[in-house]
Amino acid sequence: DRVRLGLALAVCDDPLLLLIDEPLEGLDANESAEACLLIDRLHTGHLTVVTATRGPLPDVTRGQRIVRLIDGAVSES
């Protein structure tokens, strides 16, 4: 619920860009899956979503640009 509330507050003014830092931190597997679906729905609209995470990439990488920072070097895939 906290992720949904945070995302709802972030998009209420209809932004073009959404920056999300560690959106799955502290969530269990079900909550993470729900948050990923919500983020994916936001992205499939007009909204550009940039996510920063230290952990594994969320399962919402379809058609998206992925940039990794590894030991200070940028790696793009």
Protein backbone atom coordinates (compact mmCIF):
# COMPACT_ATOMS: atom_id res chain seq x y z
CA ASP A 1 0.00 0.00 0.00
CA ARG A 2 2.85 2.39 0.77
CA VAL A 3 4.28 1.98 -2.74
CA ARG A 4 0.88 2.53 -4.36
CA LEU A 5 0.28 5.61 -2.24
CA GLY A 6 3.73 7.00 -3.06
CA LEU A 7 3.24 6.41 -6.78
CA ALA A 8 -0.25 7.92 -6.69
CA LEU A 9 1.09 11.06 -5.01
CA ALA A 10 3.97 11.24 -7.49
CA VAL A 11 1.75 11.09 -10.58
CA CYS A 12 -1.22 13.18 -9.39
CA ASP A 13 0.08 16.28 -11.22
CA ASP A 14 0.54 14.32 -14.47
CA PRO A 15 4.37 14.51 -14.76
CA LEU A 16 6.29 13.42 -17.85
CA LEU A 17 9.12 11.88 -15.81
CA LEU A 18 9.02 9.77 -12.64
CA LEU A 19 12.23 9.03 -10.71
CA ILE A 20 11.94 6.04 -8.36
CA ASP A 21 14.64 5.04 -5.86
CA GLU A 22 14.53 1.44 -4.59
CA PRO A 23 10.81 0.88 -5.23
CA LEU A 24 10.90 -2.77 -4.10
CA GLU A 25 12.95 -2.37 -0.94
CA GLY A 26 11.23 -3.96 2.05
CA LEU A 27 8.46 -5.58 0.00
CA ASP A 28 7.67 -9.29 -0.04
CA ALA A 29 7.39 -11.24 -3.30
CA ASN A 30 3.67 -10.54 -3.79
CA GLU A 31 4.03 -6.84 -3.02
CA SER A 32 7.04 -6.62 -5.36
CA ALA A 33 5.09 -8.24 -8.19
CA GLU A 34 2.18 -5.86 -7.64
CA ALA A 35 4.50 -2.84 -7.55
CA CYS A 36 6.21 -3.98 -10.77
CA LEU A 37 2.86 -4.27 -12.54
CA LEU A 38 1.87 -0.81 -11.38
CA ILE A 39 5.18 0.71 -12.50
CA ASP A 40 4.84 -1.08 -15.84
CA ARG A 41 1.32 0.34 -16.31
CA LEU A 42 2.60 3.84 -15.58
CA HIS A 43 5.40 3.40 -18.11
CA THR A 44 3.15 2.09 -20.90
CA GLY A 45 1.29 5.39 -20.82
CA HIS A 46 3.01 8.68 -21.57
CA LEU A 47 5.18 8.59 -18.45
CA THR A 48 8.94 7.99 -18.57
CA VAL A 49 10.03 6.01 -15.51
CA VAL A 50 13.63 5.99 -14.25
CA THR A 51 14.31 3.46 -11.49
CA ALA A 52 17.44 3.21 -9.35
CA THR A 53 18.07 -0.09 -7.58
CA ARG A 54 20.99 -1.92 -6.04
CA GLY A 55 19.29 -5.30 -6.27
CA PRO A 56 18.12 -7.36 -9.20
CA LEU A 57 16.19 -5.56 -11.89
CA PRO A 58 12.44 -5.65 -11.50
CA ASP A 59 10.56 -7.76 -14.03
CA VAL A 60 9.36 -4.70 -15.96
CA THR A 61 12.15 -4.30 -18.48
CA ARG A 62 10.18 -4.88 -21.68
CA GLY A 63 11.27 -2.44 -24.35
CA GLN A 64 13.13 -0.31 -21.89
CA ARG A 65 16.65 1.00 -21.89
CA ILE A 66 18.76 -0.46 -19.09
CA VAL A 67 21.90 1.33 -17.90
CA ARG A 68 24.05 -0.25 -15.21
CA LEU A 69 26.70 1.46 -13.13
CA ILE A 70 29.32 -1.13 -12.19
CA ASP A 71 32.36 -0.03 -10.21
CA GLY A 72 31.87 3.52 -11.48
CA ALA A 73 31.64 2.53 -15.15
CA VAL A 74 28.46 2.79 -17.22
CA SER A 75 27.33 -0.37 -18.99
CA GLU A 76 24.32 -0.25 -21.29
CA SER A 77 22.18 -3.13 -22.52
